Amino acid sequence: MWKISPNTPMKLGVSEMQNVAVTTQPTAYDKLLVCAREYAEKFKDKNIGEIAGVMNARTLFRAIGMDPTKHRPSSEGLLRRALKGKDYFSINTLVDIGNWCSLDFLLPICVYDAGKTEGEITARLGCEGESYFGHNNRKVNLFNRFVIADEAGPFGSPITDSTRTAVDLNTKNAILIIFAPEDYNDDLLQKQMITFAERVKKICGGEVTNSFILKLN
């Protein structure tokens, strides 16, 4: 079961999948590189703030109390690397698909191993004393930050994720999340959720068991 706490200024496009097969094949990474080259060719003479879609992630970050000029959305970080012709790191097929979609949609995206979560999942504010170790192995203070938490505590956020629910080669069931600002168009978000899941199915197999937009009514 999923919940969203009052005063949570964002919406989440959530897809739950089962029976995925995660590998280190370069298929998704190659798609990420193609997407990056397309951005570089199309916007090589543009200021990044002039690129359609960039403001969506910045709006989201401001709404959750983060200055996007100091803590760049992951989608913008991917875009900046594309425009500078820099390479990316390949992690595994599922994470690479997440990065590909994040660059494509210009929204923060996270993938989690559903088998490592415990019980009900809630989008909420972090409580005093809550923290986790992020993928950079640094301890992240989550007090007063918007997080995704299960019954064992926070495991994700639009900023960085916990190593506890990280996707690896043993992942069989996955959670895909697209983070969007409150005013983001639901029809567009739904379309992007479908695209994300279809890309996973094509490269990693599996099937969608649940898909919905989590938001305040």
N, C-alpha and C. Protein backbone atom coordinates (compact mmCIF):
# COMPACT_ATOMS: atom_id res chain seq x y z
N MET A 1 0.84 -1.20 0.00
CA MET A 1 0.00 0.00 0.00
C MET A 1 0.88 1.25 0.00
N TRP A 2 0.42 2.27 -0.71
CA TRP A 2 1.14 3.54 -0.81
C TRP A 2 0.30 4.67 -0.24
N LYS A 3 0.98 5.62 0.38
CA LYS A 3 0.31 6.81 0.92
C LYS A 3 1.15 8.04 0.63
N ILE A 4 0.49 9.19 0.65
CA ILE A 4 1.21 10.46 0.54
C ILE A 4 0.73 11.36 1.66
N SER A 5 1.65 11.92 2.40
CA SER A 5 1.30 12.75 3.55
C SER A 5 0.81 14.12 3.10
N PRO A 6 -0.03 14.77 3.93
CA PRO A 6 -0.50 16.12 3.61
C PRO A 6 0.68 17.07 3.41
N ASN A 7 0.47 18.07 2.58
CA ASN A 7 1.47 19.11 2.31
C ASN A 7 2.72 18.58 1.61
N THR A 8 2.58 17.48 0.90
CA THR A 8 3.69 16.97 0.10
C THR A 8 3.59 17.60 -1.29
N PRO A 9 4.49 18.55 -1.62
CA PRO A 9 4.33 19.36 -2.84
C PRO A 9 4.90 18.72 -4.10
N MET A 10 4.51 17.49 -4.35
CA MET A 10 4.98 16.82 -5.56
C MET A 10 4.03 15.68 -5.87
N LYS A 11 4.15 15.14 -7.07
CA LYS A 11 3.41 13.93 -7.43
C LYS A 11 4.40 12.90 -7.94
N LEU A 12 4.03 11.64 -7.78
CA LEU A 12 4.92 10.54 -8.15
C LEU A 12 4.21 9.64 -9.15
N GLY A 13 4.89 9.35 -10.25
CA GLY A 13 4.41 8.33 -11.17
C GLY A 13 5.04 7.01 -10.78
N VAL A 14 4.23 6.11 -10.23
CA VAL A 14 4.74 4.86 -9.65
C VAL A 14 4.34 3.66 -10.51
N SER A 15 5.30 2.82 -10.83
CA SER A 15 5.04 1.55 -11.50
C SER A 15 5.74 0.44 -10.74
N GLU A 16 5.01 -0.61 -10.44
CA GLU A 16 5.59 -1.78 -9.77
C GLU A 16 5.69 -2.91 -10.80
N MET A 17 6.86 -3.54 -10.86
CA MET A 17 7.08 -4.60 -11.83
C MET A 17 7.62 -5.85 -11.15
N GLN A 18 7.34 -7.00 -11.74
CA GLN A 18 7.87 -8.25 -11.22
C GLN A 18 8.52 -9.05 -12.35
N ASN A 19 9.37 -9.97 -11.93
CA ASN A 19 10.05 -10.90 -12.85
C ASN A 19 10.97 -10.19 -13.85
N VAL A 20 11.64 -9.13 -13.40
CA VAL A 20 12.63 -8.48 -14.27
C VAL A 20 13.95 -9.24 -14.16
N ALA A 21 14.76 -9.12 -15.19
CA ALA A 21 16.09 -9.74 -15.21
C ALA A 21 17.12 -8.63 -15.45
N VAL A 22 17.87 -8.29 -14.41
CA VAL A 22 18.83 -7.19 -14.48
C VAL A 22 20.21 -7.75 -14.85
N THR A 23 20.84 -7.14 -15.84
CA THR A 23 22.15 -7.59 -16.29
C THR A 23 23.08 -6.38 -16.44
N THR A 24 24.28 -6.66 -16.90
CA THR A 24 25.23 -5.57 -17.18
C THR A 24 25.40 -5.36 -18.69
N GLN A 25 24.48 -5.88 -19.48
CA GLN A 25 24.53 -5.66 -20.92
C GLN A 25 24.43 -4.16 -21.23
N PRO A 26 25.08 -3.69 -22.29
CA PRO A 26 25.12 -2.25 -22.57
C PRO A 26 23.90 -1.70 -23.31
N THR A 27 22.87 -2.51 -23.52
CA THR A 27 21.73 -2.10 -24.34
C THR A 27 21.13 -0.77 -23.90
N ALA A 28 20.78 -0.65 -22.62
CA ALA A 28 20.16 0.58 -22.12
C ALA A 28 21.16 1.73 -22.09
N TYR A 29 22.40 1.42 -21.75
CA TYR A 29 23.43 2.46 -21.72
C TYR A 29 23.63 3.06 -23.10
N ASP A 30 23.59 2.22 -24.12
CA ASP A 30 23.72 2.71 -25.49
C ASP A 30 22.57 3.65 -25.85
N LYS A 31 21.37 3.33 -25.38
CA LYS A 31 20.21 4.20 -25.61
C LYS A 31 20.39 5.54 -24.91
N LEU A 32 20.95 5.51 -23.71
CA LEU A 32 21.25 6.74 -22.98
C LEU A 32 22.21 7.61 -23.78
N LEU A 33 23.24 7.00 -24.35
CA LEU A 33 24.22 7.75 -25.13
C LEU A 33 23.60 8.36 -26.38
N VAL A 34 22.70 7.64 -27.03
CA VAL A 34 22.01 8.17 -28.21
C VAL A 34 21.17 9.38 -27.82
N CYS A 35 20.44 9.26 -26.72
CA CYS A 35 19.62 10.37 -26.23
C CYS A 35 20.50 11.59 -25.92
N ALA A 36 21.64 11.34 -25.31
CA ALA A 36 22.56 12.43 -24.97
C ALA A 36 23.07 13.13 -26.22
N ARG A 37 23.42 12.35 -27.24
CA ARG A 37 23.92 12.95 -28.49
C ARG A 37 22.84 13.79 -29.16
N GLU A 38 21.59 13.33 -29.09
CA GLU A 38 20.49 14.09 -29.69
C GLU A 38 20.31 15.44 -28.99
N TYR A 39 20.41 15.44 -27.67
CA TYR A 39 20.34 16.71 -26.93
C TYR A 39 21.50 17.62 -27.32
N ALA A 40 22.69 17.05 -27.38
CA ALA A 40 23.88 17.85 -27.69
C ALA A 40 23.79 18.49 -29.07
N GLU A 41 23.26 17.74 -30.03
CA GLU A 41 23.13 18.27 -31.39
C GLU A 41 22.03 19.33 -31.48
N LYS A 42 20.94 19.11 -30.77
CA LYS A 42 19.79 20.01 -30.86
C LYS A 42 19.98 21.30 -30.08
N PHE A 43 20.69 21.21 -28.94
CA PHE A 43 20.76 22.37 -28.04
C PHE A 43 22.19 22.86 -27.79
N LYS A 44 23.11 22.58 -28.70
CA LYS A 44 24.52 22.92 -28.46
C LYS A 44 24.75 24.41 -28.27
N ASP A 45 23.90 25.26 -28.84
CA ASP A 45 24.09 26.71 -28.73
C ASP A 45 23.10 27.35 -27.76
N LYS A 46 22.41 26.54 -26.96
CA LYS A 46 21.38 27.04 -26.06
C LYS A 46 21.88 27.11 -24.62
N ASN A 47 21.38 28.10 -23.89
CA ASN A 47 21.56 28.12 -22.45
C ASN A 47 20.68 27.03 -21.87
N ILE A 48 21.18 26.31 -20.88
CA ILE A 48 20.43 25.16 -20.36
C ILE A 48 19.05 25.55 -19.84
N GLY A 49 18.92 26.76 -19.30
CA GLY A 49 17.63 27.21 -18.79
C GLY A 49 16.61 27.47 -19.87
N GLU A 50 17.05 27.53 -21.12
CA GLU A 50 16.15 27.78 -22.25
C GLU A 50 15.59 26.48 -22.82
N ILE A 51 16.08 25.35 -22.36
CA ILE A 51 15.64 24.07 -22.89
C ILE A 51 14.31 23.68 -22.25
N ALA A 52 13.32 23.41 -23.10
CA ALA A 52 11.99 23.05 -22.62
C ALA A 52 12.06 21.84 -21.71
N GLY A 53 11.44 21.93 -20.56
CA GLY A 53 11.40 20.81 -19.62
C GLY A 53 12.32 20.96 -18.44
N VAL A 54 13.39 21.75 -18.57
CA VAL A 54 14.35 21.90 -17.48
C VAL A 54 13.68 22.52 -16.25
N MET A 55 12.76 23.45 -16.48
CA MET A 55 12.14 24.16 -15.36
C MET A 55 11.24 23.25 -14.52
N ASN A 56 10.77 22.14 -15.08
CA ASN A 56 9.91 21.25 -14.30
C ASN A 56 10.64 20.69 -13.08
N ALA A 57 11.85 20.19 -13.29
CA ALA A 57 12.62 19.65 -12.17
C ALA A 57 13.05 20.76 -11.22
N ARG A 58 13.37 21.93 -11.75
CA ARG A 58 13.75 23.05 -10.88
C ARG A 58 12.56 23.49 -10.03
N THR A 59 11.38 23.51 -10.62
CA THR A 59 10.16 23.86 -9.87
C THR A 59 9.92 22.85 -8.76
N LEU A 60 10.10 21.57 -9.07
CA LEU A 60 9.95 20.51 -8.07
C LEU A 60 10.91 20.73 -6.92
N PHE A 61 12.17 20.99 -7.22
CA PHE A 61 13.17 21.16 -6.17
C PHE A 61 12.86 22.37 -5.29
N ARG A 62 12.46 23.47 -5.90
CA ARG A 62 12.11 24.64 -5.09
C ARG A 62 10.93 24.33 -4.17
N ALA A 63 9.96 23.57 -4.68
CA ALA A 63 8.77 23.24 -3.89
C ALA A 63 9.12 22.38 -2.68
N ILE A 64 10.15 21.53 -2.81
CA ILE A 64 10.52 20.67 -1.68
C ILE A 64 11.64 21.29 -0.85
N GLY A 65 11.90 22.57 -1.08
CA GLY A 65 12.84 23.30 -0.24
C GLY A 65 14.30 23.16 -0.61
N MET A 66 14.57 22.75 -1.84
CA MET A 66 15.95 22.60 -2.30
C MET A 66 16.26 23.65 -3.36
N ASP A 67 17.39 24.30 -3.24
CA ASP A 67 17.82 25.28 -4.24
C ASP A 67 18.45 24.52 -5.42
N PRO A 68 17.80 24.53 -6.60
CA PRO A 68 18.32 23.74 -7.72
C PRO A 68 19.64 24.24 -8.28
N THR A 69 20.07 25.43 -7.86
CA THR A 69 21.39 25.91 -8.29
C THR A 69 22.50 25.36 -7.40
N LYS A 70 22.12 24.87 -6.20
CA LYS A 70 23.09 24.28 -5.29
C LYS A 70 23.01 22.75 -5.28
N HIS A 71 21.79 22.24 -5.40
CA HIS A 71 21.57 20.80 -5.46
C HIS A 71 20.84 20.53 -6.78
N ARG A 72 21.59 20.24 -7.82
CA ARG A 72 20.98 20.09 -9.14
C ARG A 72 20.15 18.81 -9.21
N PRO A 73 18.96 18.89 -9.80
CA PRO A 73 18.20 17.67 -10.06
C PRO A 73 19.04 16.70 -10.90
N SER A 74 18.87 15.41 -10.65
CA SER A 74 19.67 14.42 -11.37
C SER A 74 19.46 14.51 -12.87
N SER A 75 18.23 14.84 -13.28
CA SER A 75 17.93 14.96 -14.70
C SER A 75 18.74 16.09 -15.33
N GLU A 76 18.88 17.20 -14.61
CA GLU A 76 19.67 18.31 -15.13
C GLU A 76 21.16 17.97 -15.15
N GLY A 77 21.60 17.20 -14.17
CA GLY A 77 22.98 16.76 -14.17
C GLY A 77 23.29 15.90 -15.39
N LEU A 78 22.36 15.01 -15.74
CA LEU A 78 22.52 14.18 -16.93
C LEU A 78 22.54 15.05 -18.19
N LEU A 79 21.67 16.05 -18.22
CA LEU A 79 21.60 16.94 -19.38
C LEU A 79 22.89 17.75 -19.54
N ARG A 80 23.41 18.25 -18.43
CA ARG A 80 24.64 19.03 -18.50
C ARG A 80 25.80 18.18 -19.04
N ARG A 81 25.86 16.93 -18.63
CA ARG A 81 26.91 16.05 -19.14
C ARG A 81 26.73 15.84 -20.65
N ALA A 82 25.47 15.71 -21.07
CA ALA A 82 25.20 15.52 -22.50
C ALA A 82 25.67 16.72 -23.31
N LEU A 83 25.35 17.91 -22.83
CA LEU A 83 25.69 19.13 -23.57
C LEU A 83 27.20 19.37 -23.60
N LYS A 84 27.91 18.83 -22.59
CA LYS A 84 29.37 18.98 -22.55
C LYS A 84 30.10 17.81 -23.21
N GLY A 85 29.33 16.83 -23.69
CA GLY A 85 29.94 15.68 -24.35
C GLY A 85 30.63 14.73 -23.40
N LYS A 86 30.23 14.74 -22.14
CA LYS A 86 30.85 13.86 -21.14
C LYS A 86 30.15 12.51 -21.11
N ASP A 87 30.90 11.48 -20.75
CA ASP A 87 30.34 10.13 -20.65
C ASP A 87 29.55 9.96 -19.36
N TYR A 88 28.83 8.84 -19.30
CA TYR A 88 28.08 8.47 -18.10
C TYR A 88 28.66 7.18 -17.53
N PHE A 89 28.24 6.87 -16.32
CA PHE A 89 28.62 5.60 -15.71
C PHE A 89 27.51 4.59 -15.97
N SER A 90 27.87 3.42 -16.43
CA SER A 90 26.89 2.34 -16.59
C SER A 90 26.88 1.51 -15.31
N ILE A 91 25.69 1.32 -14.74
CA ILE A 91 25.55 0.57 -13.48
C ILE A 91 25.02 -0.83 -13.77
N ASN A 92 23.82 -0.90 -14.25
CA ASN A 92 23.20 -2.14 -14.71
C ASN A 92 22.03 -1.74 -15.61
N THR A 93 21.41 -2.71 -16.26
CA THR A 93 20.39 -2.37 -17.26
C THR A 93 19.23 -1.56 -16.68
N LEU A 94 18.76 -1.91 -15.49
CA LEU A 94 17.60 -1.22 -14.94
C LEU A 94 17.94 0.21 -14.52
N VAL A 95 19.07 0.39 -13.88
CA VAL A 95 19.50 1.75 -13.50
C VAL A 95 19.78 2.58 -14.75
N ASP A 96 20.39 1.96 -15.75
CA ASP A 96 20.68 2.68 -17.00
C ASP A 96 19.40 3.12 -17.70
N ILE A 97 18.36 2.29 -17.65
CA ILE A 97 17.07 2.68 -18.23
C ILE A 97 16.50 3.88 -17.46
N GLY A 98 16.63 3.85 -16.14
CA GLY A 98 16.18 4.98 -15.33
C GLY A 98 16.89 6.27 -15.73
N ASN A 99 18.20 6.20 -15.94
CA ASN A 99 18.96 7.38 -16.36
C ASN A 99 18.55 7.83 -17.76
N TRP A 100 18.35 6.88 -18.64
CA TRP A 100 17.89 7.20 -20.00
C TRP A 100 16.55 7.93 -19.96
N CYS A 101 15.60 7.42 -19.19
CA CYS A 101 14.29 8.05 -19.10
C CYS A 101 14.37 9.40 -18.39
N SER A 102 15.22 9.51 -17.38
CA SER A 102 15.38 10.78 -16.68
C SER A 102 15.89 11.86 -17.62
N LEU A 103 16.86 11.52 -18.46
CA LEU A 103 17.37 12.47 -19.45
C LEU A 103 16.30 12.77 -20.50
N ASP A 104 15.61 11.75 -20.94
CA ASP A 104 14.58 11.90 -21.97
C ASP A 104 13.43 12.79 -21.48
N PHE A 105 12.95 12.54 -20.24
CA PHE A 105 11.80 13.28 -19.71
C PHE A 105 12.21 14.55 -18.97
N LEU A 106 13.49 14.67 -18.63
CA LEU A 106 14.02 15.79 -17.83
C LEU A 106 13.32 15.90 -16.47
N LEU A 107 13.14 14.75 -15.84
CA LEU A 107 12.58 14.66 -14.49
C LEU A 107 13.42 13.69 -13.67
N PRO A 108 13.53 13.91 -12.36
CA PRO A 108 14.23 12.94 -11.50
C PRO A 108 13.51 11.59 -11.51
N ILE A 109 14.27 10.54 -11.64
CA ILE A 109 13.72 9.19 -11.69
C ILE A 109 14.54 8.29 -10.77
N CYS A 110 13.85 7.40 -10.08
CA CYS A 110 14.53 6.44 -9.22
C CYS A 110 13.98 5.04 -9.46
N VAL A 111 14.84 4.05 -9.31
CA VAL A 111 14.41 2.65 -9.37
C VAL A 111 14.86 1.97 -8.08
N TYR A 112 13.98 1.13 -7.55
CA TYR A 112 14.26 0.47 -6.28
C TYR A 112 13.99 -1.03 -6.40
N ASP A 113 14.67 -1.79 -5.59
CA ASP A 113 14.41 -3.23 -5.47
C ASP A 113 13.25 -3.41 -4.51
N ALA A 114 12.09 -3.79 -5.05
CA ALA A 114 10.89 -3.93 -4.22
C ALA A 114 11.06 -5.00 -3.15
N GLY A 115 11.89 -6.00 -3.43
CA GLY A 115 12.11 -7.07 -2.48
C GLY A 115 12.87 -6.64 -1.24
N LYS A 116 13.47 -5.45 -1.28
CA LYS A 116 14.20 -4.92 -0.14
C LYS A 116 13.39 -3.91 0.66
N THR A 117 12.15 -3.65 0.26
CA THR A 117 11.29 -2.75 1.02
C THR A 117 10.46 -3.55 2.02
N GLU A 118 9.95 -2.84 3.03
CA GLU A 118 9.21 -3.51 4.10
C GLU A 118 7.88 -2.81 4.35
N GLY A 119 6.79 -3.47 3.99
CA GLY A 119 5.46 -2.98 4.33
C GLY A 119 5.02 -1.75 3.54
N GLU A 120 4.19 -0.94 4.20
CA GLU A 120 3.58 0.23 3.57
C GLU A 120 4.62 1.28 3.19
N ILE A 121 4.42 1.92 2.05
CA ILE A 121 5.34 2.95 1.56
C ILE A 121 4.63 4.30 1.55
N THR A 122 5.32 5.32 2.05
CA THR A 122 4.73 6.66 2.18
C THR A 122 5.67 7.72 1.65
N ALA A 123 5.11 8.69 0.94
CA ALA A 123 5.85 9.92 0.59
C ALA A 123 5.56 10.92 1.70
N ARG A 124 6.62 11.36 2.39
CA ARG A 124 6.42 12.21 3.57
C ARG A 124 7.67 13.03 3.85
N LEU A 125 7.57 13.88 4.89
CA LEU A 125 8.73 14.61 5.37
C LEU A 125 9.58 13.72 6.27
N GLY A 126 10.88 13.85 6.15
CA GLY A 126 11.77 13.12 7.03
C GLY A 126 11.68 13.63 8.46
N CYS A 127 11.79 12.73 9.40
CA CYS A 127 11.70 13.08 10.83
C CYS A 127 13.09 13.38 11.40
N GLU A 128 13.10 14.00 12.55
CA GLU A 128 14.37 14.32 13.20
C GLU A 128 15.13 13.03 13.49
N GLY A 129 16.40 13.02 13.15
CA GLY A 129 17.24 11.86 13.40
C GLY A 129 17.27 10.85 12.27
N GLU A 130 16.39 11.01 11.27
CA GLU A 130 16.38 10.06 10.15
C GLU A 130 17.50 10.38 9.16
N SER A 131 18.12 9.33 8.67
CA SER A 131 19.20 9.48 7.69
C SER A 131 19.39 8.14 6.99
N TYR A 132 20.15 8.15 5.92
CA TYR A 132 20.58 6.89 5.31
C TYR A 132 21.88 7.14 4.54
N PHE A 133 22.53 6.06 4.17
CA PHE A 133 23.72 6.17 3.35
C PHE A 133 23.30 6.15 1.89
N GLY A 134 23.70 7.18 1.16
CA GLY A 134 23.37 7.28 -0.25
C GLY A 134 24.31 6.47 -1.10
N HIS A 135 24.08 6.51 -2.41
CA HIS A 135 24.90 5.73 -3.33
C HIS A 135 26.34 6.23 -3.39
N ASN A 136 26.56 7.45 -2.91
CA ASN A 136 27.93 7.97 -2.83
C ASN A 136 28.60 7.58 -1.51
N ASN A 137 27.91 6.71 -0.73
CA ASN A 137 28.40 6.22 0.56
C ASN A 137 28.52 7.31 1.62
N ARG A 138 27.86 8.44 1.38
CA ARG A 138 27.82 9.50 2.38
C ARG A 138 26.49 9.44 3.13
N LYS A 139 26.56 9.77 4.41
CA LYS A 139 25.35 9.80 5.22
C LYS A 139 24.53 11.03 4.87
N VAL A 140 23.25 10.82 4.57
CA VAL A 140 22.36 11.90 4.15
C VAL A 140 21.38 12.21 5.27
N ASN A 141 21.41 13.44 5.76
CA ASN A 141 20.46 13.88 6.79
C ASN A 141 19.11 14.15 6.14
N LEU A 142 18.06 13.50 6.62
CA LEU A 142 16.75 13.58 5.97
C LEU A 142 15.73 14.40 6.75
N PHE A 143 16.14 15.00 7.85
CA PHE A 143 15.21 15.79 8.64
C PHE A 143 14.64 16.93 7.81
N ASN A 144 13.31 16.99 7.76
CA ASN A 144 12.59 18.05 7.03
C ASN A 144 12.80 18.00 5.52
N ARG A 145 13.24 16.86 5.01
CA ARG A 145 13.34 16.67 3.56
C ARG A 145 12.28 15.67 3.12
N PHE A 146 11.76 15.84 1.93
CA PHE A 146 10.74 14.92 1.45
C PHE A 146 11.38 13.61 1.01
N VAL A 147 10.82 12.51 1.52
CA VAL A 147 11.41 11.19 1.32
C VAL A 147 10.34 10.18 0.91
N ILE A 148 10.81 9.04 0.43
CA ILE A 148 10.00 7.85 0.24
C ILE A 148 10.43 6.88 1.34
N ALA A 149 9.48 6.45 2.16
CA ALA A 149 9.83 5.62 3.31
C ALA A 149 8.92 4.40 3.40
N ASP A 150 9.50 3.30 3.88
CA ASP A 150 8.69 2.13 4.21
C ASP A 150 8.67 1.98 5.72
N GLU A 151 8.26 0.82 6.21
CA GLU A 151 8.13 0.64 7.66
C GLU A 151 9.49 0.55 8.35
N ALA A 152 10.55 0.39 7.58
CA ALA A 152 11.90 0.37 8.15
C ALA A 152 12.55 1.75 8.12
N GLY A 153 11.88 2.72 7.48
CA GLY A 153 12.42 4.07 7.41
C GLY A 153 12.60 4.55 5.97
N PRO A 154 13.13 5.75 5.79
CA PRO A 154 13.33 6.30 4.45
C PRO A 154 14.30 5.47 3.61
N PHE A 155 14.00 5.37 2.31
CA PHE A 155 14.92 4.68 1.41
C PHE A 155 15.13 5.42 0.10
N GLY A 156 14.44 6.55 -0.09
CA GLY A 156 14.61 7.27 -1.33
C GLY A 156 14.13 8.70 -1.24
N SER A 157 14.50 9.49 -2.23
CA SER A 157 14.07 10.89 -2.32
C SER A 157 14.35 11.37 -3.73
N PRO A 158 13.83 12.55 -4.10
CA PRO A 158 14.16 13.08 -5.44
C PRO A 158 15.62 13.47 -5.56
N ILE A 159 16.36 13.47 -4.46
CA ILE A 159 17.73 13.98 -4.46
C ILE A 159 18.75 12.84 -4.57
N THR A 160 18.68 11.89 -3.65
CA THR A 160 19.58 10.74 -3.68
C THR A 160 18.91 9.58 -2.96
N ASP A 161 19.33 8.37 -3.26
CA ASP A 161 18.68 7.17 -2.72
C ASP A 161 19.57 6.43 -1.74
N SER A 162 18.91 5.56 -0.98
CA SER A 162 19.60 4.73 -0.01
C SER A 162 20.20 3.50 -0.68
N THR A 163 21.32 3.04 -0.15
CA THR A 163 21.90 1.80 -0.64
C THR A 163 21.03 0.59 -0.23
N ARG A 164 20.17 0.79 0.77
CA ARG A 164 19.37 -0.34 1.29
C ARG A 164 18.48 -0.96 0.23
N THR A 165 17.89 -0.16 -0.63
CA THR A 165 16.96 -0.69 -1.63
C THR A 165 17.52 -0.60 -3.05
N ALA A 166 18.85 -0.55 -3.15
CA ALA A 166 19.48 -0.41 -4.46
C ALA A 166 19.21 -1.62 -5.35
N VAL A 167 19.03 -1.35 -6.63
CA VAL A 167 18.87 -2.41 -7.63
C VAL A 167 20.22 -3.05 -7.92
N ASP A 168 20.24 -4.38 -7.96
CA ASP A 168 21.46 -5.10 -8.33
C ASP A 168 21.10 -6.26 -9.25
N LEU A 169 22.06 -7.10 -9.55
CA LEU A 169 21.83 -8.19 -10.50
C LEU A 169 20.90 -9.27 -9.96
N ASN A 170 20.59 -9.23 -8.68
CA ASN A 170 19.66 -10.19 -8.09
C ASN A 170 18.23 -9.66 -8.00
N THR A 171 18.03 -8.42 -8.40
CA THR A 171 16.69 -7.82 -8.32
C THR A 171 15.72 -8.54 -9.25
N LYS A 172 14.57 -8.92 -8.71
CA LYS A 172 13.52 -9.58 -9.50
C LYS A 172 12.26 -8.72 -9.59
N ASN A 173 11.98 -7.99 -8.52
CA ASN A 173 10.80 -7.12 -8.48
C ASN A 173 11.26 -5.69 -8.25
N ALA A 174 10.71 -4.76 -9.01
CA ALA A 174 11.23 -3.40 -9.00
C ALA A 174 10.12 -2.37 -8.85
N ILE A 175 10.50 -1.22 -8.30
CA ILE A 175 9.63 -0.05 -8.22
C ILE A 175 10.27 1.05 -9.07
N LEU A 176 9.50 1.59 -9.99
CA LEU A 176 9.95 2.70 -10.83
C LEU A 176 9.21 3.96 -10.40
N ILE A 177 9.93 5.04 -10.15
CA ILE A 177 9.28 6.28 -9.72
C ILE A 177 9.78 7.45 -10.56
N ILE A 178 8.82 8.22 -11.09
CA ILE A 178 9.11 9.49 -11.74
C ILE A 178 8.62 10.58 -10.80
N PHE A 179 9.50 11.49 -10.39
CA PHE A 179 9.14 12.60 -9.52
C PHE A 179 8.78 13.81 -10.37
N ALA A 180 7.63 14.44 -10.07
CA ALA A 180 7.18 15.58 -10.86
C ALA A 180 6.59 16.65 -9.95
N PRO A 181 6.60 17.92 -10.39
CA PRO A 181 5.98 18.98 -9.58
C PRO A 181 4.47 18.81 -9.53
N GLU A 182 3.84 19.45 -8.56
CA GLU A 182 2.40 19.31 -8.35
C GLU A 182 1.56 19.64 -9.58
N ASP A 183 1.99 20.64 -10.34
CA ASP A 183 1.18 21.11 -11.47
C ASP A 183 1.52 20.39 -12.78
N TYR A 184 2.31 19.34 -12.72
CA TYR A 184 2.69 18.61 -13.93
C TYR A 184 1.47 17.90 -14.50
N ASN A 185 1.36 17.91 -15.81
CA ASN A 185 0.19 17.33 -16.48
C ASN A 185 0.09 15.82 -16.25
N ASP A 186 -1.03 15.38 -15.73
CA ASP A 186 -1.21 13.95 -15.41
C ASP A 186 -1.16 13.07 -16.65
N ASP A 187 -1.75 13.54 -17.75
CA ASP A 187 -1.75 12.74 -18.98
C ASP A 187 -0.33 12.53 -19.50
N LEU A 188 0.47 13.59 -19.43
CA LEU A 188 1.87 13.47 -19.87
C LEU A 188 2.64 12.54 -18.95
N LEU A 189 2.42 12.67 -17.64
CA LEU A 189 3.11 11.80 -16.69
C LEU A 189 2.72 10.35 -16.92
N GLN A 190 1.44 10.09 -17.16
CA GLN A 190 0.97 8.74 -17.43
C GLN A 190 1.64 8.17 -18.68
N LYS A 191 1.75 8.99 -19.71
CA LYS A 191 2.41 8.56 -20.94
C LYS A 191 3.88 8.21 -20.68
N GLN A 192 4.54 9.03 -19.88
CA GLN A 192 5.95 8.77 -19.57
C GLN A 192 6.11 7.52 -18.72
N MET A 193 5.18 7.27 -17.81
CA MET A 193 5.21 6.05 -17.01
C MET A 193 5.12 4.82 -17.91
N ILE A 194 4.23 4.88 -18.90
CA ILE A 194 4.07 3.76 -19.83
C ILE A 194 5.35 3.55 -20.63
N THR A 195 5.93 4.64 -21.12
CA THR A 195 7.18 4.55 -21.89
C THR A 195 8.29 3.93 -21.04
N PHE A 196 8.42 4.39 -19.80
CA PHE A 196 9.43 3.88 -18.87
C PHE A 196 9.26 2.37 -18.70
N ALA A 197 8.04 1.94 -18.39
CA ALA A 197 7.78 0.52 -18.15
C ALA A 197 8.01 -0.31 -19.41
N GLU A 198 7.63 0.23 -20.56
CA GLU A 198 7.82 -0.50 -21.82
C GLU A 198 9.30 -0.69 -22.12
N ARG A 199 10.10 0.31 -21.81
CA ARG A 199 11.55 0.19 -22.02
C ARG A 199 12.14 -0.88 -21.10
N VAL A 200 11.64 -0.92 -19.87
CA VAL A 200 12.10 -1.96 -18.94
C VAL A 200 11.72 -3.34 -19.46
N LYS A 201 10.47 -3.48 -19.89
CA LYS A 201 10.00 -4.78 -20.39
C LYS A 201 10.82 -5.24 -21.60
N LYS A 202 11.15 -4.31 -22.47
CA LYS A 202 11.89 -4.67 -23.68
C LYS A 202 13.31 -5.14 -23.36
N ILE A 203 13.94 -4.51 -22.38
CA ILE A 203 15.35 -4.81 -22.08
C ILE A 203 15.51 -5.80 -20.94
N CYS A 204 14.66 -5.68 -19.91
CA CYS A 204 14.79 -6.53 -18.71
C CYS A 204 13.68 -7.56 -18.58
N GLY A 205 12.69 -7.51 -19.46
CA GLY A 205 11.56 -8.40 -19.31
C GLY A 205 10.67 -7.97 -18.17
N GLY A 206 9.85 -8.89 -17.68
CA GLY A 206 8.97 -8.60 -16.55
C GLY A 206 7.63 -8.04 -16.99
N GLU A 207 6.78 -7.79 -16.00
CA GLU A 207 5.46 -7.23 -16.28
C GLU A 207 5.07 -6.25 -15.19
N VAL A 208 4.24 -5.29 -15.56
CA VAL A 208 3.75 -4.29 -14.62
C VAL A 208 2.60 -4.89 -13.83
N THR A 209 2.69 -4.83 -12.51
CA THR A 209 1.62 -5.35 -11.66
C THR A 209 0.76 -4.24 -11.06
N ASN A 210 1.28 -3.02 -11.06
CA ASN A 210 0.55 -1.89 -10.49
C ASN A 210 1.14 -0.61 -11.05
N SER A 211 0.28 0.35 -11.39
CA SER A 211 0.76 1.61 -11.94
C SER A 211 -0.24 2.71 -11.58
N PHE A 212 0.26 3.80 -11.01
CA PHE A 212 -0.64 4.87 -10.56
C PHE A 212 0.15 6.15 -10.33
N ILE A 213 -0.58 7.27 -10.28
CA ILE A 213 0.01 8.55 -9.92
C ILE A 213 -0.34 8.82 -8.46
N LEU A 214 0.68 8.96 -7.64
CA LEU A 214 0.49 9.23 -6.21
C LEU A 214 0.55 10.74 -6.00
N LYS A 215 -0.57 11.31 -5.56
CA LYS A 215 -0.63 12.76 -5.37
C LYS A 215 -1.72 13.08 -4.37
N LEU A 216 -1.70 14.32 -3.88
CA LEU A 216 -2.76 14.79 -3.01
C LEU A 216 -3.98 15.12 -3.86
N ASN A 217 -5.16 14.81 -3.37
CA ASN A 217 -6.39 15.10 -4.12
C ASN A 217 -6.70 16.59 -4.08
